[in-house]
Amino acid sequence: MALVVADRVKEVTTTTGTGAISLGGAQANFVTFSSALSNGDTTYYAIVDNNNIAYEVGLGTYASSGNTLTRTTVLDSSNSGSAVSFGAGQKDVFVTYPADKSVYGDATGNVAVTSLTAAGLAYPTSDGSTDQFLKTNGSGTLAFADVPAGIESTFTVQTSDFTSVASVRYYISTAGGAVTMTLPASPTAGDQVAFVDYTGNFATTAAVLGRNGSNIMGSASDMNLDVDYFSGTVEYVDATQGWKLI
């Protein structure tokens, strides 16, 4: 089942009342609903009754059994937006593209979305802040969010024990002795800290990642960095794994 919009789909019907429309065959130079839709597909339809001066636009559901179109949701009509009880006589019924469902470019090239709510989407009513972006929760709700901060370098060589902060890269020299880089306390998932062996002495004198209460690679132990010129990044994942090398 899918929402289908197709060109040149137009049939006649003699259905009366407010029920499902029985489709009576394509008009000249048009095609049938059955040629464009499968059973259970939905489409936007319009019904025009020139004999009784009535019309209806809505979302319909096609049924191959009986070749009918159920008027699932009425969007606009000559009956004040409600379903029209059509009278006797022949009516035209065709696939359309309602204006309030359309996406289009205006005179300046901007794209306007008339209605997201009807499509099951919830979107912000404010403009957000500079440099923010729209983020979905996976269920149709959109919200402005800050762009994640990248890793920034301190450009200061650390030669003694220090406590790191998230989103920073540290250059560490153990040429004068061991250095412990204590990881941030109370980290949140996604926090990252980067480090670089500035002088290539880690194999001789290891630097130490101090866990500061959190696990490192799933272990409640500090980690030695003992490979010359090693550089890396640790990211906090969760309470079980703690900080992981990435």
C-alpha atoms as a PDB file:
ATOM      1  CA  MET A   1       0.000   0.000   0.000  1.00  0.00           C
ATOM      2  CA  ALA A   2       1.301   3.413  -0.938  1.00  0.00           C
ATOM      3  CA  LEU A   3       0.253   6.953  -1.661  1.00  0.00           C
ATOM      4  CA  VAL A   4       0.133   7.239  -5.449  1.00  0.00           C
ATOM      5  CA  VAL A   5      -0.224  10.358  -7.577  1.00  0.00           C
ATOM      6  CA  ALA A   6      -0.381   9.700 -11.312  1.00  0.00           C
ATOM      7  CA  ASP A   7      -1.091  11.653 -14.498  1.00  0.00           C
ATOM      8  CA  ARG A   8      -4.204  11.398 -16.671  1.00  0.00           C
ATOM      9  CA  VAL A   9      -6.250   9.172 -14.347  1.00  0.00           C
ATOM     10  CA  LYS A  10      -9.919  10.034 -14.853  1.00  0.00           C
ATOM     11  CA  GLU A  11     -13.083   7.968 -14.843  1.00  0.00           C
ATOM     12  CA  VAL A  12     -16.828   8.425 -14.720  1.00  0.00           C
ATOM     13  CA  THR A  13     -19.138   7.359 -11.906  1.00  0.00           C
ATOM     14  CA  THR A  14     -22.857   7.336 -11.281  1.00  0.00           C
ATOM     15  CA  THR A  15     -22.538   6.650  -7.556  1.00  0.00           C
ATOM     16  CA  THR A  16     -24.935   8.567  -5.335  1.00  0.00           C
ATOM     17  CA  GLY A  17     -24.790   9.359  -1.627  1.00  0.00           C
ATOM     18  CA  THR A  18     -21.667   9.593   0.552  1.00  0.00           C
ATOM     19  CA  GLY A  19     -20.291   6.071   0.207  1.00  0.00           C
ATOM     20  CA  ALA A  20     -17.436   4.575  -1.801  1.00  0.00           C
ATOM     21  CA  ILE A  21     -17.272   5.551  -5.460  1.00  0.00           C
ATOM     22  CA  SER A  22     -17.816   2.817  -8.044  1.00  0.00           C
ATOM     23  CA  LEU A  23     -15.523   3.589 -10.941  1.00  0.00           C
ATOM     24  CA  GLY A  24     -17.211   3.295 -14.329  1.00  0.00           C
ATOM     25  CA  GLY A  25     -14.399   3.459 -16.875  1.00  0.00           C
ATOM     26  CA  ALA A  26     -11.835   5.908 -18.192  1.00  0.00           C
ATOM     27  CA  GLN A  27     -12.828   8.963 -20.163  1.00  0.00           C
ATOM     28  CA  ALA A  28     -11.378   9.556 -23.615  1.00  0.00           C
ATOM     29  CA  ASN A  29      -7.602  10.141 -23.587  1.00  0.00           C
ATOM     30  CA  PHE A  30      -7.355   9.175 -19.888  1.00  0.00           C
ATOM     31  CA  VAL A  31      -6.526   5.953 -18.002  1.00  0.00           C
ATOM     32  CA  THR A  32      -8.281   4.015 -15.257  1.00  0.00           C
ATOM     33  CA  PHE A  33      -7.519   4.051 -11.533  1.00  0.00           C
ATOM     34  CA  SER A  34      -6.752   0.336 -11.745  1.00  0.00           C
ATOM     35  CA  SER A  35      -3.934   0.983 -14.222  1.00  0.00           C
ATOM     36  CA  ALA A  36      -2.165   3.285 -11.754  1.00  0.00           C
ATOM     37  CA  LEU A  37      -3.131   1.981  -8.298  1.00  0.00           C
ATOM     38  CA  SER A  38      -2.958  -1.387  -6.559  1.00  0.00           C
ATOM     39  CA  ASN A  39      -5.362  -2.679  -3.960  1.00  0.00           C
ATOM     40  CA  GLY A  40      -5.094  -0.638  -0.757  1.00  0.00           C
ATOM     41  CA  ASP A  41      -3.187   2.257  -2.350  1.00  0.00           C
ATOM     42  CA  THR A  42      -4.297   5.771  -1.482  1.00  0.00           C
ATOM     43  CA  THR A  43      -4.465   8.750  -3.783  1.00  0.00           C
ATOM     44  CA  TYR A  44      -5.750  12.305  -3.823  1.00  0.00           C
ATOM     45  CA  TYR A  45      -9.007  12.496  -5.733  1.00  0.00           C
ATOM     46  CA  ALA A  46     -11.500  15.044  -6.976  1.00  0.00           C
ATOM     47  CA  ILE A  47     -15.142  14.385  -7.834  1.00  0.00           C
ATOM     48  CA  VAL A  48     -16.941  16.957  -9.984  1.00  0.00           C
ATOM     49  CA  ASP A  49     -20.700  16.806 -10.437  1.00  0.00           C
ATOM     50  CA  ASN A  50     -21.658  19.306 -13.111  1.00  0.00           C
ATOM     51  CA  ASN A  51     -25.287  18.140 -13.148  1.00  0.00           C
ATOM     52  CA  ASN A  52     -25.891  19.032  -9.508  1.00  0.00           C
ATOM     53  CA  ILE A  53     -23.128  21.651  -9.169  1.00  0.00           C
ATOM     54  CA  ALA A  54     -21.157  19.854  -6.466  1.00  0.00           C
ATOM     55  CA  TYR A  55     -17.559  18.855  -5.899  1.00  0.00           C
ATOM     56  CA  GLU A  56     -15.322  17.077  -3.417  1.00  0.00           C
ATOM     57  CA  VAL A  57     -11.532  16.776  -2.973  1.00  0.00           C
ATOM     58  CA  GLY A  58      -9.923  14.304  -0.620  1.00  0.00           C
ATOM     59  CA  LEU A  59      -7.734  11.311   0.111  1.00  0.00           C
ATOM     60  CA  GLY A  60      -9.197   8.072  -1.196  1.00  0.00           C
ATOM     61  CA  THR A  61      -8.368   4.390  -0.813  1.00  0.00           C
ATOM     62  CA  TYR A  62      -8.578   2.191  -3.892  1.00  0.00           C
ATOM     63  CA  ALA A  63      -9.993  -1.358  -3.735  1.00  0.00           C
ATOM     64  CA  SER A  64      -9.404  -3.651  -6.692  1.00  0.00           C
ATOM     65  CA  SER A  65     -12.272  -5.861  -5.514  1.00  0.00           C
ATOM     66  CA  GLY A  66     -15.289  -4.009  -6.812  1.00  0.00           C
ATOM     67  CA  ASN A  67     -13.090  -1.348  -8.464  1.00  0.00           C
ATOM     68  CA  THR A  68     -14.062   1.304  -5.932  1.00  0.00           C
ATOM     69  CA  LEU A  69     -12.549   4.380  -4.321  1.00  0.00           C
ATOM     70  CA  THR A  70     -13.396   4.903  -0.650  1.00  0.00           C
ATOM     71  CA  ARG A  71     -13.530   8.567   0.334  1.00  0.00           C
ATOM     72  CA  THR A  72     -11.199   8.160   3.322  1.00  0.00           C
ATOM     73  CA  THR A  73     -10.565  11.810   4.200  1.00  0.00           C
ATOM     74  CA  VAL A  74     -12.430  14.795   2.743  1.00  0.00           C
ATOM     75  CA  LEU A  75     -10.160  17.825   2.358  1.00  0.00           C
ATOM     76  CA  ASP A  76     -12.515  20.268   0.646  1.00  0.00           C
ATOM     77  CA  SER A  77     -16.013  20.177  -0.787  1.00  0.00           C
ATOM     78  CA  SER A  78     -19.081  22.130  -1.796  1.00  0.00           C
ATOM     79  CA  ASN A  79     -20.619  20.815   1.436  1.00  0.00           C
ATOM     80  CA  SER A  80     -18.476  23.056   3.670  1.00  0.00           C
ATOM     81  CA  GLY A  81     -15.602  20.578   3.694  1.00  0.00           C
ATOM     82  CA  SER A  82     -17.740  17.544   4.581  1.00  0.00           C
ATOM     83  CA  ALA A  83     -18.592  14.539   2.418  1.00  0.00           C
ATOM     84  CA  VAL A  84     -21.031  15.377  -0.380  1.00  0.00           C
ATOM     85  CA  SER A  85     -24.160  13.310  -0.803  1.00  0.00           C
ATOM     86  CA  PHE A  86     -24.024  13.153  -4.589  1.00  0.00           C
ATOM     87  CA  GLY A  87     -27.246  13.088  -6.560  1.00  0.00           C
ATOM     88  CA  ALA A  88     -28.166  11.110  -9.647  1.00  0.00           C
ATOM     89  CA  GLY A  89     -26.276  11.512 -12.891  1.00  0.00           C
ATOM     90  CA  GLN A  90     -22.758  11.105 -14.210  1.00  0.00           C
ATOM     91  CA  LYS A  91     -19.814  12.580 -12.308  1.00  0.00           C
ATOM     92  CA  ASP A  92     -16.119  12.893 -13.139  1.00  0.00           C
ATOM     93  CA  VAL A  93     -13.650  11.400 -10.647  1.00  0.00           C
ATOM     94  CA  PHE A  94      -9.924  11.868 -11.142  1.00  0.00           C
ATOM     95  CA  VAL A  95      -6.525  11.888  -9.433  1.00  0.00           C
ATOM     96  CA  THR A  96      -5.438  15.366  -8.367  1.00  0.00           C
ATOM     97  CA  TYR A  97      -2.743  17.091  -6.317  1.00  0.00           C
ATOM     98  CA  PRO A  98      -4.384  19.294  -3.651  1.00  0.00           C
ATOM     99  CA  ALA A  99      -2.820  22.688  -3.088  1.00  0.00           C
ATOM    100  CA  ASP A 100      -2.492  22.211   0.690  1.00  0.00           C
ATOM    101  CA  LYS A 101      -0.485  19.005   0.104  1.00  0.00           C
ATOM    102  CA  SER A 102       1.902  20.512  -2.405  1.00  0.00           C
ATOM    103  CA  VAL A 103       5.579  21.395  -2.174  1.00  0.00           C
ATOM    104  CA  TYR A 104       6.612  24.166  -4.552  1.00  0.00           C
ATOM    105  CA  GLY A 105       9.153  26.873  -5.243  1.00  0.00           C
ATOM    106  CA  ASP A 106       7.962  30.470  -4.884  1.00  0.00           C
ATOM    107  CA  ALA A 107       9.009  33.445  -7.025  1.00  0.00           C
ATOM    108  CA  THR A 108      12.310  33.728  -5.153  1.00  0.00           C
ATOM    109  CA  GLY A 109      13.142  30.033  -5.430  1.00  0.00           C
ATOM    110  CA  ASN A 110      12.262  29.133  -1.846  1.00  0.00           C
ATOM    111  CA  VAL A 111      10.401  25.881  -1.272  1.00  0.00           C
ATOM    112  CA  ALA A 112       7.152  26.230   0.640  1.00  0.00           C
ATOM    113  CA  VAL A 113       5.536  23.322   2.473  1.00  0.00           C
ATOM    114  CA  THR A 114       1.893  24.151   3.024  1.00  0.00           C
ATOM    115  CA  SER A 115       1.087  21.485   5.617  1.00  0.00           C
ATOM    116  CA  LEU A 116       3.360  19.017   7.377  1.00  0.00           C
ATOM    117  CA  THR A 117       0.891  18.262  10.154  1.00  0.00           C
ATOM    118  CA  ALA A 118      -1.517  16.506   7.803  1.00  0.00           C
ATOM    119  CA  ALA A 119       1.333  14.254   6.714  1.00  0.00           C
ATOM    120  CA  GLY A 120       1.981  13.195  10.307  1.00  0.00           C
ATOM    121  CA  LEU A 121       4.940  15.499  10.902  1.00  0.00           C
ATOM    122  CA  ALA A 122       5.397  17.863  13.830  1.00  0.00           C
ATOM    123  CA  TYR A 123       7.716  20.775  13.182  1.00  0.00           C
ATOM    124  CA  PRO A 124       9.054  23.756  15.176  1.00  0.00           C
ATOM    125  CA  THR A 125       7.061  26.964  15.294  1.00  0.00           C
ATOM    126  CA  SER A 126      10.191  29.099  15.811  1.00  0.00           C
ATOM    127  CA  ASP A 127      13.174  29.764  13.580  1.00  0.00           C
ATOM    128  CA  GLY A 128      15.780  28.254  15.910  1.00  0.00           C
ATOM    129  CA  SER A 129      19.186  29.845  16.411  1.00  0.00           C
ATOM    130  CA  THR A 130      22.093  30.643  14.113  1.00  0.00           C
ATOM    131  CA  ASP A 131      23.911  27.527  12.825  1.00  0.00           C
ATOM    132  CA  GLN A 132      21.330  25.102  14.199  1.00  0.00           C
ATOM    133  CA  PHE A 133      19.867  22.336  12.041  1.00  0.00           C
ATOM    134  CA  LEU A 134      16.599  20.381  11.941  1.00  0.00           C
ATOM    135  CA  LYS A 135      16.790  16.949  13.544  1.00  0.00           C
ATOM    136  CA  THR A 136      14.144  14.211  13.480  1.00  0.00           C
ATOM    137  CA  ASN A 137      13.370  11.869  16.355  1.00  0.00           C
ATOM    138  CA  GLY A 138      12.543   9.097  13.873  1.00  0.00           C
ATOM    139  CA  SER A 139       8.798   9.419  14.437  1.00  0.00           C
ATOM    140  CA  GLY A 140       8.072  12.516  12.390  1.00  0.00           C
ATOM    141  CA  THR A 141       8.878  15.170  15.001  1.00  0.00           C
ATOM    142  CA  LEU A 142      11.362  17.795  13.846  1.00  0.00           C
ATOM    143  CA  ALA A 143      13.284  20.056  16.213  1.00  0.00           C
ATOM    144  CA  PHE A 144      16.197  22.464  15.971  1.00  0.00           C
ATOM    145  CA  ALA A 145      19.472  21.162  17.416  1.00  0.00           C
ATOM    146  CA  ASP A 146      22.998  22.491  17.811  1.00  0.00           C
ATOM    147  CA  VAL A 147      25.683  21.230  15.449  1.00  0.00           C
ATOM    148  CA  PRO A 148      27.900  18.880  17.484  1.00  0.00           C
ATOM    149  CA  ALA A 149      31.151  20.496  18.472  1.00  0.00           C
ATOM    150  CA  GLY A 150      34.260  19.131  16.820  1.00  0.00           C
ATOM    151  CA  ILE A 151      37.532  18.305  18.546  1.00  0.00           C
ATOM    152  CA  GLU A 152      39.572  21.442  19.216  1.00  0.00           C
ATOM    153  CA  SER A 153      43.324  21.392  19.781  1.00  0.00           C
ATOM    154  CA  THR A 154      44.875  23.105  22.781  1.00  0.00           C
ATOM    155  CA  PHE A 155      48.225  23.626  20.991  1.00  0.00           C
ATOM    156  CA  THR A 156      49.766  23.516  24.463  1.00  0.00           C
ATOM    157  CA  VAL A 157      52.099  20.627  25.265  1.00  0.00           C
ATOM    158  CA  GLN A 158      51.105  18.896  28.493  1.00  0.00           C
ATOM    159  CA  THR A 159      54.160  17.846  30.513  1.00  0.00           C
ATOM    160  CA  SER A 160      52.520  17.154  33.874  1.00  0.00           C
ATOM    161  CA  ASP A 161      49.359  15.551  35.173  1.00  0.00           C
ATOM    162  CA  PHE A 162      46.142  17.294  34.132  1.00  0.00           C
ATOM    163  CA  THR A 163      42.385  16.754  33.860  1.00  0.00           C
ATOM    164  CA  SER A 164      40.956  16.850  30.362  1.00  0.00           C
ATOM    165  CA  VAL A 165      37.667  18.274  29.153  1.00  0.00           C
ATOM    166  CA  ALA A 166      35.445  16.965  26.374  1.00  0.00           C
ATOM    167  CA  SER A 167      35.905  17.969  22.725  1.00  0.00           C
ATOM    168  CA  VAL A 168      39.604  18.878  23.122  1.00  0.00           C
ATOM    169  CA  ARG A 169      42.770  17.315  21.654  1.00  0.00           C
ATOM    170  CA  TYR A 170      45.795  17.329  23.950  1.00  0.00           C
ATOM    171  CA  TYR A 171      49.479  17.116  22.972  1.00  0.00           C
ATOM    172  CA  ILE A 172      51.353  15.155  25.636  1.00  0.00           C
ATOM    173  CA  SER A 173      55.099  14.898  26.193  1.00  0.00           C
ATOM    174  CA  THR A 174      56.504  12.238  28.544  1.00  0.00           C
ATOM    175  CA  ALA A 175      60.116  13.172  27.736  1.00  0.00           C
ATOM    176  CA  GLY A 176      60.477  14.552  31.280  1.00  0.00           C
ATOM    177  CA  GLY A 177      58.459  11.867  33.060  1.00  0.00           C
ATOM    178  CA  ALA A 178      55.109  10.122  33.163  1.00  0.00           C
ATOM    179  CA  VAL A 179      51.978  12.182  32.573  1.00  0.00           C
ATOM    180  CA  THR A 180      48.448  11.196  33.592  1.00  0.00           C
ATOM    181  CA  MET A 181      45.583  12.622  31.595  1.00  0.00           C
ATOM    182  CA  THR A 182      42.539  12.289  33.838  1.00  0.00           C
ATOM    183  CA  LEU A 183      39.340  11.888  31.834  1.00  0.00           C
ATOM    184  CA  PRO A 184      36.334  14.130  32.512  1.00  0.00           C
ATOM    185  CA  ALA A 185      34.131  13.347  35.501  1.00  0.00           C
ATOM    186  CA  SER A 186      30.422  12.543  34.957  1.00  0.00           C
ATOM    187  CA  PRO A 187      30.713  12.210  31.158  1.00  0.00           C
ATOM    188  CA  THR A 188      27.680  11.883  28.878  1.00  0.00           C
ATOM    189  CA  ALA A 189      27.357   9.589  25.889  1.00  0.00           C
ATOM    190  CA  GLY A 190      29.155  11.068  22.887  1.00  0.00           C
ATOM    191  CA  ASP A 191      31.765  13.017  24.852  1.00  0.00           C
ATOM    192  CA  GLN A 192      35.178  12.707  23.200  1.00  0.00           C
ATOM    193  CA  VAL A 193      38.757  13.480  24.211  1.00  0.00           C
ATOM    194  CA  ALA A 194      41.729  13.217  21.833  1.00  0.00           C
ATOM    195  CA  PHE A 195      45.440  12.905  22.572  1.00  0.00           C
ATOM    196  CA  VAL A 196      48.775  12.898  20.706  1.00  0.00           C
ATOM    197  CA  ASP A 197      52.269  11.695  21.689  1.00  0.00           C
ATOM    198  CA  TYR A 198      54.000  15.000  21.010  1.00  0.00           C
ATOM    199  CA  THR A 199      57.647  13.857  21.378  1.00  0.00           C
ATOM    200  CA  GLY A 200      57.436  10.137  20.582  1.00  0.00           C
ATOM    201  CA  ASN A 201      58.338   8.953  24.098  1.00  0.00           C
ATOM    202  CA  PHE A 202      55.283   6.882  25.031  1.00  0.00           C
ATOM    203  CA  ALA A 203      57.111   3.541  24.513  1.00  0.00           C
ATOM    204  CA  THR A 204      59.849   4.640  26.939  1.00  0.00           C
ATOM    205  CA  THR A 205      57.648   6.457  29.427  1.00  0.00           C
ATOM    206  CA  ALA A 206      53.970   5.731  29.076  1.00  0.00           C
ATOM    207  CA  ALA A 207      51.241   8.300  29.437  1.00  0.00           C
ATOM    208  CA  VAL A 208      48.270   7.224  31.490  1.00  0.00           C
ATOM    209  CA  LEU A 209      44.541   7.696  30.861  1.00  0.00           C
ATOM    210  CA  GLY A 210      43.012   8.160  34.312  1.00  0.00           C
ATOM    211  CA  ARG A 211      39.483   6.747  34.290  1.00  0.00           C
ATOM    212  CA  ASN A 212      38.150   9.201  36.915  1.00  0.00           C
ATOM    213  CA  GLY A 213      35.436   6.784  38.077  1.00  0.00           C
ATOM    214  CA  SER A 214      34.333   5.568  34.660  1.00  0.00           C
ATOM    215  CA  ASN A 215      35.334   2.351  32.912  1.00  0.00           C
ATOM    216  CA  ILE A 216      37.785   2.380  30.031  1.00  0.00           C
ATOM    217  CA  MET A 217      37.122  -0.242  27.359  1.00  0.00           C
ATOM    218  CA  GLY A 218      34.775  -1.988  29.800  1.00  0.00           C
ATOM    219  CA  SER A 219      37.418  -2.228  32.551  1.00  0.00           C
ATOM    220  CA  ALA A 220      37.604  -0.391  35.868  1.00  0.00           C
ATOM    221  CA  SER A 221      41.308   0.333  35.295  1.00  0.00           C
ATOM    222  CA  ASP A 222      43.414   3.182  34.017  1.00  0.00           C
ATOM    223  CA  MET A 223      44.965   2.684  30.573  1.00  0.00           C
ATOM    224  CA  ASN A 224      48.644   3.002  29.677  1.00  0.00           C
ATOM    225  CA  LEU A 225      49.536   4.640  26.355  1.00  0.00           C
ATOM    226  CA  ASP A 226      52.879   3.028  25.459  1.00  0.00           C
ATOM    227  CA  VAL A 227      53.278   3.290  21.672  1.00  0.00           C
ATOM    228  CA  ASP A 228      55.537   6.018  20.313  1.00  0.00           C
ATOM    229  CA  TYR A 229      53.763   8.780  18.400  1.00  0.00           C
ATOM    230  CA  PHE A 230      50.425   7.200  19.194  1.00  0.00           C
ATOM    231  CA  SER A 231      47.419   9.436  18.713  1.00  0.00           C
ATOM    232  CA  GLY A 232      43.815   8.567  19.307  1.00  0.00           C
ATOM    233  CA  THR A 233      40.415   9.548  20.559  1.00  0.00           C
ATOM    234  CA  VAL A 234      38.308   8.076  23.327  1.00  0.00           C
ATOM    235  CA  GLU A 235      34.539   8.443  23.343  1.00  0.00           C
ATOM    236  CA  TYR A 236      32.232   7.850  26.293  1.00  0.00           C
ATOM    237  CA  VAL A 237      29.622   5.229  25.350  1.00  0.00           C
ATOM    238  CA  ASP A 238      27.787   4.116  28.504  1.00  0.00           C
ATOM    239  CA  ALA A 239      28.310   3.048  32.118  1.00  0.00           C
ATOM    240  CA  THR A 240      29.227  -0.514  31.100  1.00  0.00           C
ATOM    241  CA  GLN A 241      31.875   0.168  28.471  1.00  0.00           C
ATOM    242  CA  GLY A 242      32.737   3.654  29.611  1.00  0.00           C
ATOM    243  CA  TRP A 243      35.370   5.251  27.383  1.00  0.00           C
ATOM    244  CA  LYS A 244      36.159   3.470  24.099  1.00  0.00           C
ATOM    245  CA  LEU A 245      39.026   4.075  21.705  1.00  0.00           C
ATOM    246  CA  ILE A 246      37.668   5.056  18.297  1.00  0.00           C
END
